[in-house]
Amino acid sequence: MTTSIEAVYDGGVFRPTRQVALADGTHVEVLVPTANANRDPRTVAARLAEVAARADRKGEVESTSRDHDRYLYVAEPKS
């Protein structure tokens, strides 16, 4: 079983940010993701809103799911 626990590293110790249902002395494996300099700082919700807005501007809301590849991977034409 895998459980994700948010924690803060403080004084050489990872401290959970909320109550954790583990007995004292329980051994766990902590995976710390490396920072990705190329990561898009926008939230997933912001990126999805941009995709939806592209379809809406073109008056093609109903085609958003049918043509999702076009909206996600094709650059908009330059005006």
Protein backbone atom coordinates (compact mmCIF):
# COMPACT_ATOMS: atom_id res chain seq x y z
CA MET A 1 0.00 0.00 0.00
CA THR A 2 1.22 3.51 -0.81
CA THR A 3 0.11 6.64 1.02
CA SER A 4 1.13 10.16 0.09
CA ILE A 5 1.97 12.34 3.09
CA GLU A 6 2.85 16.02 2.80
CA ALA A 7 5.72 16.96 5.09
CA VAL A 8 8.14 19.78 5.88
CA TYR A 9 11.87 19.15 6.19
CA ASP A 10 12.97 20.84 9.42
CA GLY A 11 16.19 20.35 11.35
CA GLY A 12 17.07 17.12 9.56
CA VAL A 13 13.63 15.61 10.14
CA PHE A 14 10.59 15.27 7.85
CA ARG A 15 7.58 16.48 9.83
CA PRO A 16 4.09 15.64 8.48
CA THR A 17 1.86 18.67 8.01
CA ARG A 18 -1.15 16.78 9.43
CA GLN A 19 -1.94 13.76 11.60
CA VAL A 20 -0.61 10.45 10.23
CA ALA A 21 -2.04 7.06 11.19
CA LEU A 22 1.30 5.29 11.78
CA ALA A 23 2.67 3.79 14.95
CA ASP A 24 5.83 5.37 16.39
CA GLY A 25 8.92 3.61 15.08
CA THR A 26 7.28 2.58 11.80
CA HIS A 27 9.85 2.45 9.01
CA VAL A 28 8.82 4.26 5.84
CA GLU A 29 10.42 5.11 2.50
CA VAL A 30 10.46 8.82 1.65
CA LEU A 31 10.61 9.71 -2.06
CA VAL A 32 11.59 13.32 -2.74
CA PRO A 33 10.93 14.43 -6.33
CA THR A 34 13.70 16.44 -7.92
CA ALA A 35 12.93 19.96 -9.06
CA ASN A 36 12.26 20.31 -12.78
CA ALA A 37 13.47 23.65 -14.13
CA ASN A 38 11.31 23.24 -17.26
CA ARG A 39 8.10 22.66 -15.35
CA ASP A 40 5.19 24.86 -16.34
CA PRO A 41 4.36 27.03 -13.30
CA ARG A 42 0.67 27.28 -14.21
CA THR A 43 -1.77 25.05 -12.41
CA VAL A 44 -3.52 22.21 -14.20
CA ALA A 45 -6.79 24.12 -13.84
CA ALA A 46 -5.29 27.19 -15.54
CA ARG A 47 -4.01 25.11 -18.46
CA LEU A 48 -7.39 23.37 -18.87
CA ALA A 49 -9.14 26.74 -18.80
CA GLU A 50 -6.89 27.91 -21.64
CA VAL A 51 -7.78 24.85 -23.72
CA ALA A 52 -11.49 25.39 -23.10
CA ALA A 53 -11.20 29.09 -23.96
CA ARG A 54 -9.58 28.26 -27.30
CA ALA A 55 -12.54 26.13 -28.31
CA ASP A 56 -15.04 28.68 -27.03
CA ARG A 57 -13.47 31.55 -28.99
CA LYS A 58 -13.92 29.58 -32.17
CA GLY A 59 -17.55 28.81 -31.38
CA GLU A 60 -16.80 25.07 -31.40
CA VAL A 61 -17.41 24.12 -27.77
CA GLU A 62 -19.11 20.86 -28.73
CA SER A 63 -16.01 19.76 -30.68
CA THR A 64 -13.59 20.15 -27.77
CA SER A 65 -13.52 16.45 -26.86
CA ARG A 66 -13.74 15.23 -30.45
CA ASP A 67 -10.81 17.42 -31.55
CA HIS A 68 -8.86 17.48 -28.28
CA ASP A 69 -5.53 16.72 -29.99
CA ARG A 70 -5.91 19.79 -32.19
CA TYR A 71 -6.57 22.02 -29.18
CA LEU A 72 -3.80 20.54 -27.04
CA TYR A 73 -0.97 20.04 -29.52
CA VAL A 74 -1.47 22.42 -32.44
CA ALA A 75 -0.42 26.05 -32.10
CA GLU A 76 -3.08 28.62 -32.82
CA PRO A 77 -2.77 30.39 -36.17
CA LYS A 78 -0.98 33.71 -35.99
CA SER A 79 -3.11 36.73 -36.79
